Full PDB file with SEQRES, HELIX, SHEET, SSBOND, CRYST1, ORIGX, SCALE, CONECT and MASTER records, all heavy atoms in Angstrom:
SEQRES   1 A   35  LYS GLN ARG LEU ILE SER LYS ASN ASP GLU PHE VAL ARG          
SEQRES   2 A   35  ARG LEU ALA GLU VAL GLY ILE PRO VAL ILE ASP GLN ARG          
SEQRES   3 A   35  ILE SER ALA ALA GLN GLY ASP SER ASP                          
HELIX    1 AA1 GLN A    2  ALA A   29  1                                  28    
CRYST1    1.000    1.000    1.000  90.00  90.00  90.00 P 1           1          
ORIGX1      1.000000  0.000000  0.000000        0.00000                         
ORIGX2      0.000000  1.000000  0.000000        0.00000                         
ORIGX3      0.000000  0.000000  1.000000        0.00000                         
SCALE1      1.000000  0.000000  0.000000        0.00000                         
SCALE2      0.000000  1.000000  0.000000        0.00000                         
SCALE3      0.000000  0.000000  1.000000        0.00000                         
ATOM      1  N   LYS A   1       0.838  -1.202   0.000  1.00  0.00           N  
ATOM      2  CA  LYS A   1       0.001   0.000  -0.001  1.00  0.00           C  
ATOM      3  C   LYS A   1       0.876   1.257   0.001  1.00  0.00           C  
ATOM      4  O   LYS A   1       0.633   2.189  -0.770  1.00  0.00           O  
ATOM      5  CB  LYS A   1      -0.913  -0.005   1.225  1.00  0.00           C  
ATOM      6  CG  LYS A   1      -1.759   1.231   1.391  1.00  0.00           C  
ATOM      7  CD  LYS A   1      -2.564   1.161   2.671  1.00  0.00           C  
ATOM      8  CE  LYS A   1      -3.145   2.498   3.039  1.00  0.00           C  
ATOM      9  NZ  LYS A   1      -3.771   2.486   4.361  1.00  0.00           N  
ATOM     10  N   GLN A   2       1.905   1.281   0.840  1.00  0.00           N  
ATOM     11  CA  GLN A   2       2.802   2.440   0.896  1.00  0.00           C  
ATOM     12  C   GLN A   2       3.558   2.616  -0.420  1.00  0.00           C  
ATOM     13  O   GLN A   2       3.754   3.743  -0.889  1.00  0.00           O  
ATOM     14  CB  GLN A   2       3.769   2.309   2.076  1.00  0.00           C  
ATOM     15  CG  GLN A   2       3.117   2.415   3.430  1.00  0.00           C  
ATOM     16  CD  GLN A   2       2.271   3.669   3.578  1.00  0.00           C  
ATOM     17  OE1 GLN A   2       2.672   4.770   3.222  1.00  0.00           O  
ATOM     18  NE2 GLN A   2       1.048   3.511   4.087  1.00  0.00           N  
ATOM     19  N   ARG A   3       3.965   1.519  -1.016  1.00  0.00           N  
ATOM     20  CA  ARG A   3       4.661   1.584  -2.308  1.00  0.00           C  
ATOM     21  C   ARG A   3       3.727   2.123  -3.384  1.00  0.00           C  
ATOM     22  O   ARG A   3       4.126   2.924  -4.224  1.00  0.00           O  
ATOM     23  CB  ARG A   3       5.188   0.203  -2.677  1.00  0.00           C  
ATOM     24  CG  ARG A   3       6.030   0.229  -3.936  1.00  0.00           C  
ATOM     25  CD  ARG A   3       6.851  -1.053  -4.082  1.00  0.00           C  
ATOM     26  NE  ARG A   3       7.634  -0.974  -5.296  1.00  0.00           N  
ATOM     27  CZ  ARG A   3       7.419  -1.720  -6.367  1.00  0.00           C  
ATOM     28  NH1 ARG A   3       6.453  -2.629  -6.361  1.00  0.00           N  
ATOM     29  NH2 ARG A   3       8.158  -1.591  -7.431  1.00  0.00           N  
ATOM     30  N   LEU A   4       2.467   1.704  -3.354  1.00  0.00           N  
ATOM     31  CA  LEU A   4       1.480   2.172  -4.331  1.00  0.00           C  
ATOM     32  C   LEU A   4       1.229   3.676  -4.164  1.00  0.00           C  
ATOM     33  O   LEU A   4       1.156   4.411  -5.154  1.00  0.00           O  
ATOM     34  CB  LEU A   4       0.178   1.390  -4.180  1.00  0.00           C  
ATOM     35  CG  LEU A   4      -0.872   1.584  -5.257  1.00  0.00           C  
ATOM     36  CD1 LEU A   4      -0.324   1.247  -6.628  1.00  0.00           C  
ATOM     37  CD2 LEU A   4      -2.097   0.732  -4.947  1.00  0.00           C  
ATOM     38  N   ILE A   5       1.151   4.141  -2.933  1.00  0.00           N  
ATOM     39  CA  ILE A   5       0.985   5.581  -2.667  1.00  0.00           C  
ATOM     40  C   ILE A   5       2.187   6.346  -3.207  1.00  0.00           C  
ATOM     41  O   ILE A   5       2.046   7.389  -3.858  1.00  0.00           O  
ATOM     42  CB  ILE A   5       0.762   5.848  -1.163  1.00  0.00           C  
ATOM     43  CG1 ILE A   5      -0.609   5.341  -0.734  1.00  0.00           C  
ATOM     44  CG2 ILE A   5       0.919   7.324  -0.839  1.00  0.00           C  
ATOM     45  CD1 ILE A   5      -0.826   5.323   0.775  1.00  0.00           C  
ATOM     46  N   SER A   6       3.377   5.821  -2.980  1.00  0.00           N  
ATOM     47  CA  SER A   6       4.599   6.457  -3.473  1.00  0.00           C  
ATOM     48  C   SER A   6       4.618   6.487  -5.004  1.00  0.00           C  
ATOM     49  O   SER A   6       4.983   7.494  -5.612  1.00  0.00           O  
ATOM     50  CB  SER A   6       5.811   5.701  -2.937  1.00  0.00           C  
ATOM     51  OG  SER A   6       6.987   6.205  -3.494  1.00  0.00           O  
ATOM     52  N   LYS A   7       4.212   5.405  -5.637  1.00  0.00           N  
ATOM     53  CA  LYS A   7       4.148   5.337  -7.100  1.00  0.00           C  
ATOM     54  C   LYS A   7       3.126   6.337  -7.634  1.00  0.00           C  
ATOM     55  O   LYS A   7       3.342   6.961  -8.674  1.00  0.00           O  
ATOM     56  CB  LYS A   7       3.791   3.928  -7.568  1.00  0.00           C  
ATOM     57  CG  LYS A   7       4.859   2.899  -7.313  1.00  0.00           C  
ATOM     58  CD  LYS A   7       5.968   3.045  -8.313  1.00  0.00           C  
ATOM     59  CE  LYS A   7       6.954   1.906  -8.168  1.00  0.00           C  
ATOM     60  NZ  LYS A   7       8.054   2.033  -9.130  1.00  0.00           N  
ATOM     61  N   ASN A   8       2.013   6.494  -6.950  1.00  0.00           N  
ATOM     62  CA  ASN A   8       0.995   7.451  -7.377  1.00  0.00           C  
ATOM     63  C   ASN A   8       1.550   8.875  -7.321  1.00  0.00           C  
ATOM     64  O   ASN A   8       1.321   9.675  -8.237  1.00  0.00           O  
ATOM     65  CB  ASN A   8      -0.266   7.320  -6.514  1.00  0.00           C  
ATOM     66  CG  ASN A   8      -1.418   8.079  -7.099  1.00  0.00           C  
ATOM     67  OD1 ASN A   8      -1.745   7.935  -8.270  1.00  0.00           O  
ATOM     68  ND2 ASN A   8      -2.039   8.922  -6.285  1.00  0.00           N  
ATOM     69  N   ASP A   9       2.288   9.206  -6.258  1.00  0.00           N  
ATOM     70  CA  ASP A   9       2.941  10.518  -6.156  1.00  0.00           C  
ATOM     71  C   ASP A   9       3.881  10.742  -7.346  1.00  0.00           C  
ATOM     72  O   ASP A   9       3.879  11.802  -7.964  1.00  0.00           O  
ATOM     73  CB  ASP A   9       3.749  10.642  -4.862  1.00  0.00           C  
ATOM     74  CG  ASP A   9       2.904  10.732  -3.611  1.00  0.00           C  
ATOM     75  OD1 ASP A   9       1.689  10.986  -3.723  1.00  0.00           O  
ATOM     76  OD2 ASP A   9       3.462  10.552  -2.517  1.00  0.00           O  
ATOM     77  N   GLU A  10       4.681   9.731  -7.642  1.00  0.00           N  
ATOM     78  CA  GLU A  10       5.618   9.819  -8.757  1.00  0.00           C  
ATOM     79  C   GLU A  10       4.872   9.981 -10.088  1.00  0.00           C  
ATOM     80  O   GLU A  10       5.268  10.780 -10.946  1.00  0.00           O  
ATOM     81  CB  GLU A  10       6.498   8.571  -8.818  1.00  0.00           C  
ATOM     82  CG  GLU A  10       7.473   8.571  -9.966  1.00  0.00           C  
ATOM     83  CD  GLU A  10       8.283   7.287 -10.076  1.00  0.00           C  
ATOM     84  OE1 GLU A  10       8.213   6.422  -9.177  1.00  0.00           O  
ATOM     85  OE2 GLU A  10       8.994   7.148 -11.081  1.00  0.00           O  
ATOM     86  N   PHE A  11       3.765   9.255 -10.245  1.00  0.00           N  
ATOM     87  CA  PHE A  11       2.978   9.301 -11.476  1.00  0.00           C  
ATOM     88  C   PHE A  11       2.442  10.702 -11.749  1.00  0.00           C  
ATOM     89  O   PHE A  11       2.632  11.243 -12.836  1.00  0.00           O  
ATOM     90  CB  PHE A  11       1.829   8.292 -11.370  1.00  0.00           C  
ATOM     91  CG  PHE A  11       0.896   8.271 -12.533  1.00  0.00           C  
ATOM     92  CD1 PHE A  11       1.348   8.015 -13.817  1.00  0.00           C  
ATOM     93  CD2 PHE A  11      -0.453   8.490 -12.348  1.00  0.00           C  
ATOM     94  CE1 PHE A  11       0.479   7.984 -14.894  1.00  0.00           C  
ATOM     95  CE2 PHE A  11      -1.331   8.466 -13.410  1.00  0.00           C  
ATOM     96  CZ  PHE A  11      -0.870   8.207 -14.687  1.00  0.00           C  
ATOM     97  N   VAL A  12       1.809  11.330 -10.766  1.00  0.00           N  
ATOM     98  CA  VAL A  12       1.245  12.665 -11.003  1.00  0.00           C  
ATOM     99  C   VAL A  12       2.358  13.695 -11.211  1.00  0.00           C  
ATOM    100  O   VAL A  12       2.208  14.607 -12.023  1.00  0.00           O  
ATOM    101  CB  VAL A  12       0.248  13.113  -9.905  1.00  0.00           C  
ATOM    102  CG1 VAL A  12      -0.952  12.191  -9.835  1.00  0.00           C  
ATOM    103  CG2 VAL A  12       0.897  13.220  -8.555  1.00  0.00           C  
ATOM    104  N   ARG A  13       3.480  13.547 -10.530  1.00  0.00           N  
ATOM    105  CA  ARG A  13       4.605  14.458 -10.726  1.00  0.00           C  
ATOM    106  C   ARG A  13       5.159  14.325 -12.142  1.00  0.00           C  
ATOM    107  O   ARG A  13       5.387  15.311 -12.839  1.00  0.00           O  
ATOM    108  CB  ARG A  13       5.713  14.195  -9.708  1.00  0.00           C  
ATOM    109  CG  ARG A  13       6.945  15.081  -9.889  1.00  0.00           C  
ATOM    110  CD  ARG A  13       8.110  14.681  -8.991  1.00  0.00           C  
ATOM    111  NE  ARG A  13       8.457  13.280  -9.006  1.00  0.00           N  
ATOM    112  CZ  ARG A  13       9.169  12.676  -9.965  1.00  0.00           C  
ATOM    113  NH1 ARG A  13       9.595  13.365 -11.002  1.00  0.00           N  
ATOM    114  NH2 ARG A  13       9.442  11.395  -9.894  1.00  0.00           N  
ATOM    115  N   ARG A  14       5.351  13.095 -12.594  1.00  0.00           N  
ATOM    116  CA  ARG A  14       5.893  12.848 -13.937  1.00  0.00           C  
ATOM    117  C   ARG A  14       4.948  13.361 -15.020  1.00  0.00           C  
ATOM    118  O   ARG A  14       5.400  13.884 -16.049  1.00  0.00           O  
ATOM    119  CB  ARG A  14       6.163  11.359 -14.136  1.00  0.00           C  
ATOM    120  CG  ARG A  14       7.236  10.763 -13.256  1.00  0.00           C  
ATOM    121  CD  ARG A  14       8.561  10.495 -13.923  1.00  0.00           C  
ATOM    122  NE  ARG A  14       8.535  10.032 -15.281  1.00  0.00           N  
ATOM    123  CZ  ARG A  14       8.631   8.756 -15.665  1.00  0.00           C  
ATOM    124  NH1 ARG A  14       8.743   7.786 -14.770  1.00  0.00           N  
ATOM    125  NH2 ARG A  14       8.632   8.438 -16.939  1.00  0.00           N  
ATOM    126  N   LEU A  15       3.649  13.219 -14.802  1.00  0.00           N  
ATOM    127  CA  LEU A  15       2.684  13.754 -15.776  1.00  0.00           C  
ATOM    128  C   LEU A  15       2.833  15.264 -15.898  1.00  0.00           C  
ATOM    129  O   LEU A  15       2.889  15.813 -17.000  1.00  0.00           O  
ATOM    130  CB  LEU A  15       1.248  13.407 -15.389  1.00  0.00           C  
ATOM    131  CG  LEU A  15       0.798  11.973 -15.609  1.00  0.00           C  
ATOM    132  CD1 LEU A  15      -0.603  11.772 -15.067  1.00  0.00           C  
ATOM    133  CD2 LEU A  15       0.855  11.605 -17.084  1.00  0.00           C  
ATOM    134  N   ALA A  16       2.895  15.941 -14.762  1.00  0.00           N  
ATOM    135  CA  ALA A  16       3.025  17.403 -14.782  1.00  0.00           C  
ATOM    136  C   ALA A  16       4.350  17.817 -15.431  1.00  0.00           C  
ATOM    137  O   ALA A  16       4.397  18.809 -16.169  1.00  0.00           O  
ATOM    138  CB  ALA A  16       2.925  17.959 -13.371  1.00  0.00           C  
ATOM    139  N   GLU A  17       5.415  17.076 -15.192  1.00  0.00           N  
ATOM    140  CA  GLU A  17       6.726  17.402 -15.771  1.00  0.00           C  
ATOM    141  C   GLU A  17       6.704  17.371 -17.293  1.00  0.00           C  
ATOM    142  O   GLU A  17       7.465  18.094 -17.941  1.00  0.00           O  
ATOM    143  CB  GLU A  17       7.796  16.445 -15.250  1.00  0.00           C  
ATOM    144  CG  GLU A  17       8.191  16.703 -13.819  1.00  0.00           C  
ATOM    145  CD  GLU A  17       9.133  15.649 -13.247  1.00  0.00           C  
ATOM    146  OE1 GLU A  17       9.305  14.579 -13.879  1.00  0.00           O  
ATOM    147  OE2 GLU A  17       9.676  15.882 -12.166  1.00  0.00           O  
ATOM    148  N   VAL A  18       5.841  16.548 -17.869  1.00  0.00           N  
ATOM    149  CA  VAL A  18       5.718  16.469 -19.325  1.00  0.00           C  
ATOM    150  C   VAL A  18       5.335  17.827 -19.906  1.00  0.00           C  
ATOM    151  O   VAL A  18       5.763  18.195 -20.997  1.00  0.00           O  
ATOM    152  CB  VAL A  18       4.671  15.399 -19.715  1.00  0.00           C  
ATOM    153  CG1 VAL A  18       4.244  15.526 -21.165  1.00  0.00           C  
ATOM    154  CG2 VAL A  18       5.201  14.003 -19.432  1.00  0.00           C  
ATOM    155  N   GLY A  19       4.548  18.598 -19.177  1.00  0.00           N  
ATOM    156  CA  GLY A  19       4.040  19.861 -19.688  1.00  0.00           C  
ATOM    157  C   GLY A  19       5.036  21.000 -19.713  1.00  0.00           C  
ATOM    158  O   GLY A  19       4.909  21.920 -20.535  1.00  0.00           O  
ATOM    159  N   ILE A  20       6.046  20.969 -18.869  1.00  0.00           N  
ATOM    160  CA  ILE A  20       6.967  22.109 -18.759  1.00  0.00           C  
ATOM    161  C   ILE A  20       7.702  22.413 -20.074  1.00  0.00           C  
ATOM    162  O   ILE A  20       7.668  23.554 -20.532  1.00  0.00           O  
ATOM    163  CB  ILE A  20       7.941  21.928 -17.582  1.00  0.00           C  
ATOM    164  CG1 ILE A  20       7.158  22.047 -16.267  1.00  0.00           C  
ATOM    165  CG2 ILE A  20       9.064  22.962 -17.634  1.00  0.00           C  
ATOM    166  CD1 ILE A  20       7.973  21.766 -15.031  1.00  0.00           C  
ATOM    167  N   PRO A  21       8.342  21.441 -20.727  1.00  0.00           N  
ATOM    168  CA  PRO A  21       9.026  21.791 -21.981  1.00  0.00           C  
ATOM    169  C   PRO A  21       8.060  22.231 -23.084  1.00  0.00           C  
ATOM    170  O   PRO A  21       8.397  23.074 -23.910  1.00  0.00           O  
ATOM    171  CB  PRO A  21       9.785  20.526 -22.372  1.00  0.00           C  
ATOM    172  CG  PRO A  21       9.254  19.443 -21.528  1.00  0.00           C  
ATOM    173  CD  PRO A  21       8.599  20.060 -20.328  1.00  0.00           C  
ATOM    174  N   VAL A  22       6.862  21.678 -23.101  1.00  0.00           N  
ATOM    175  CA  VAL A  22       5.868  22.084 -24.101  1.00  0.00           C  
ATOM    176  C   VAL A  22       5.522  23.556 -23.906  1.00  0.00           C  
ATOM    177  O   VAL A  22       5.497  24.344 -24.863  1.00  0.00           O  
ATOM    178  CB  VAL A  22       4.596  21.205 -24.017  1.00  0.00           C  
ATOM    179  CG1 VAL A  22       3.509  21.720 -24.952  1.00  0.00           C  
ATOM    180  CG2 VAL A  22       4.917  19.746 -24.307  1.00  0.00           C  
ATOM    181  N   ILE A  23       5.262  23.935 -22.670  1.00  0.00           N  
ATOM    182  CA  ILE A  23       4.934  25.335 -22.362  1.00  0.00           C  
ATOM    183  C   ILE A  23       6.090  26.249 -22.739  1.00  0.00           C  
ATOM    184  O   ILE A  23       5.885  27.267 -23.417  1.00  0.00           O  
ATOM    185  CB  ILE A  23       4.557  25.483 -20.873  1.00  0.00           C  
ATOM    186  CG1 ILE A  23       3.192  24.851 -20.625  1.00  0.00           C  
ATOM    187  CG2 ILE A  23       4.584  26.946 -20.437  1.00  0.00           C  
ATOM    188  CD1 ILE A  23       2.812  24.711 -19.171  1.00  0.00           C  
ATOM    189  N   ASP A  24       7.295  25.893 -22.332  1.00  0.00           N  
ATOM    190  CA  ASP A  24       8.458  26.735 -22.625  1.00  0.00           C  
ATOM    191  C   ASP A  24       8.671  26.888 -24.132  1.00  0.00           C  
ATOM    192  O   ASP A  24       8.934  27.995 -24.614  1.00  0.00           O  
ATOM    193  CB  ASP A  24       9.709  26.174 -21.958  1.00  0.00           C  
ATOM    194  CG  ASP A  24       9.666  26.269 -20.438  1.00  0.00           C  
ATOM    195  OD1 ASP A  24       8.827  27.019 -19.899  1.00  0.00           O  
ATOM    196  OD2 ASP A  24      10.483  25.589 -19.790  1.00  0.00           O  
ATOM    197  N   GLN A  25       8.554  25.815 -24.888  1.00  0.00           N  
ATOM    198  CA  GLN A  25       8.746  25.873 -26.338  1.00  0.00           C  
ATOM    199  C   GLN A  25       7.677  26.723 -27.007  1.00  0.00           C  
ATOM    200  O   GLN A  25       7.972  27.531 -27.897  1.00  0.00           O  
ATOM    201  CB  GLN A  25       8.755  24.469 -26.936  1.00  0.00           C  
ATOM    202  CG  GLN A  25       9.967  23.660 -26.567  1.00  0.00           C  
ATOM    203  CD  GLN A  25       9.794  22.165 -26.845  1.00  0.00           C  
ATOM    204  OE1 GLN A  25       8.754  21.713 -27.298  1.00  0.00           O  
ATOM    205  NE2 GLN A  25      10.833  21.400 -26.535  1.00  0.00           N  
ATOM    206  N   ARG A  26       6.425  26.543 -26.600  1.00  0.00           N  
ATOM    207  CA  ARG A  26       5.322  27.293 -27.221  1.00  0.00           C  
ATOM    208  C   ARG A  26       5.424  28.787 -26.923  1.00  0.00           C  
ATOM    209  O   ARG A  26       5.157  29.607 -27.784  1.00  0.00           O  
ATOM    210  CB  ARG A  26       3.978  26.752 -26.742  1.00  0.00           C  
ATOM    211  CG  ARG A  26       3.635  25.371 -27.246  1.00  0.00           C  
ATOM    212  CD  ARG A  26       3.334  25.442 -28.728  1.00  0.00           C  
ATOM    213  NE  ARG A  26       2.932  24.172 -29.258  1.00  0.00           N  
ATOM    214  CZ  ARG A  26       1.878  24.001 -30.032  1.00  0.00           C  
ATOM    215  NH1 ARG A  26       1.122  25.008 -30.377  1.00  0.00           N  
ATOM    216  NH2 ARG A  26       1.591  22.809 -30.496  1.00  0.00           N  
ATOM    217  N   ILE A  27       5.798  29.121 -25.713  1.00  0.00           N  
ATOM    218  CA  ILE A  27       5.934  30.541 -25.369  1.00  0.00           C  
ATOM    219  C   ILE A  27       7.062  31.173 -26.169  1.00  0.00           C  
ATOM    220  O   ILE A  27       6.903  32.264 -26.731  1.00  0.00           O  
ATOM    221  CB  ILE A  27       6.132  30.734 -23.853  1.00  0.00           C  
ATOM    222  CG1 ILE A  27       4.815  30.432 -23.122  1.00  0.00           C  
ATOM    223  CG2 ILE A  27       6.611  32.157 -23.534  1.00  0.00           C  
ATOM    224  CD1 ILE A  27       4.907  30.441 -21.614  1.00  0.00           C  
ATOM    225  N   SER A  28       8.193  30.500 -26.262  1.00  0.00           N  
ATOM    226  CA  SER A  28       9.317  31.087 -26.994  1.00  0.00           C  
ATOM    227  C   SER A  28       9.029  31.183 -28.491  1.00  0.00           C  
ATOM    228  O   SER A  28       9.586  32.043 -29.168  1.00  0.00           O  
ATOM    229  CB  SER A  28      10.608  30.313 -26.735  1.00  0.00           C  
ATOM    230  OG  SER A  28      10.529  29.020 -27.275  1.00  0.00           O  
ATOM    231  N   ALA A  29       8.133  30.355 -29.025  1.00  0.00           N  
ATOM    232  CA  ALA A  29       7.814  30.381 -30.458  1.00  0.00           C  
ATOM    233  C   ALA A  29       6.771  31.432 -30.817  1.00  0.00           C  
ATOM    234  O   ALA A  29       6.575  31.714 -31.998  1.00  0.00           O  
ATOM    235  CB  ALA A  29       7.314  29.001 -30.889  1.00  0.00           C  
ATOM    236  N   ALA A  30       6.116  32.023 -29.852  1.00  0.00           N  
ATOM    237  CA  ALA A  30       5.034  32.983 -30.124  1.00  0.00           C  
ATOM    238  C   ALA A  30       5.554  34.208 -30.859  1.00  0.00           C  
ATOM    239  O   ALA A  30       6.510  34.839 -30.420  1.00  0.00           O  
ATOM    240  CB  ALA A  30       4.354  33.402 -28.824  1.00  0.00           C  
ATOM    241  N   GLN A  31       4.901  34.531 -31.964  1.00  0.00           N  
ATOM    242  CA  GLN A  31       5.223  35.752 -32.698  1.00  0.00           C  
ATOM    243  C   GLN A  31       4.441  36.906 -32.082  1.00  0.00           C  
ATOM    244  O   GLN A  31       3.347  36.716 -31.570  1.00  0.00           O  
ATOM    245  CB  GLN A  31       4.821  35.611 -34.158  1.00  0.00           C  
ATOM    246  CG  GLN A  31       5.593  34.540 -34.900  1.00  0.00           C  
ATOM    247  CD  GLN A  31       5.171  34.511 -36.353  1.00  0.00           C  
ATOM    248  OE1 GLN A  31       5.455  35.439 -37.094  1.00  0.00           O  
ATOM    249  NE2 GLN A  31       4.475  33.449 -36.725  1.00  0.00           N  
ATOM    250  N   GLY A  32       4.985  38.076 -32.169  1.00  0.00           N  
ATOM    251  CA  GLY A  32       4.291  39.244 -31.647  1.00  0.00           C  
ATOM    252  C   GLY A  32       5.097  39.921 -30.567  1.00  0.00           C  
ATOM    253  O   GLY A  32       6.252  39.579 -30.312  1.00  0.00           O  
ATOM    254  N   ASP A  33       4.459  40.881 -29.920  1.00  0.00           N  
ATOM    255  CA  ASP A  33       5.219  41.700 -28.971  1.00  0.00           C  
ATOM    256  C   ASP A  33       4.858  41.453 -27.510  1.00  0.00           C  
ATOM    257  O   ASP A  33       5.156  42.266 -26.657  1.00  0.00           O  
ATOM    258  CB  ASP A  33       5.063  43.184 -29.326  1.00  0.00           C  
ATOM    259  CG  ASP A  33       3.617  43.646 -29.305  1.00  0.00           C  
ATOM    260  OD1 ASP A  33       2.728  42.828 -29.046  1.00  0.00           O  
ATOM    261  OD2 ASP A  33       3.389  44.841 -29.556  1.00  0.00           O  
ATOM    262  N   SER A  34       4.251  40.328 -27.219  1.00  0.00           N  
ATOM    263  CA  SER A  34       3.973  40.019 -25.815  1.00  0.00           C  
ATOM    264  C   SER A  34       5.262  39.679 -25.084  1.00  0.00           C  
ATOM    265  O   SER A  34       6.208  39.146 -25.668  1.00  0.00           O  
ATOM    266  CB  SER A  34       3.004  38.835 -25.704  1.00  0.00           C  
ATOM    267  OG  SER A  34       1.706  39.238 -26.037  1.00  0.00           O  
ATOM    268  N   ASP A  35       5.276  39.972 -23.812  1.00  0.00           N  
ATOM    269  CA  ASP A  35       6.412  39.665 -22.954  1.00  0.00           C  
ATOM    270  C   ASP A  35       6.464  38.145 -22.753  1.00  0.00           C  
ATOM    271  O   ASP A  35       5.526  37.554 -22.239  1.00  0.00           O  
ATOM    272  CB  ASP A  35       6.222  40.378 -21.616  1.00  0.00           C  
ATOM    273  CG  ASP A  35       7.361  40.164 -20.651  1.00  0.00           C  
ATOM    274  OD1 ASP A  35       8.274  39.359 -20.936  1.00  0.00           O  
ATOM    275  OD2 ASP A  35       7.341  40.801 -19.582  1.00  0.00           O  
TER     276      ASP A  35                                                      
MASTER        0    0    0    1    0    0    0    6  275    1    0    3          
END                                                                             
């Protein structure tokens, strides 16, 4: 049970980590004069 809880923590963290490079790449690619 404790191992499963730990794996669940890792799972949600890893899912969120997937989004960071996507966000960074999309922001840097935006054309225009936004900050």
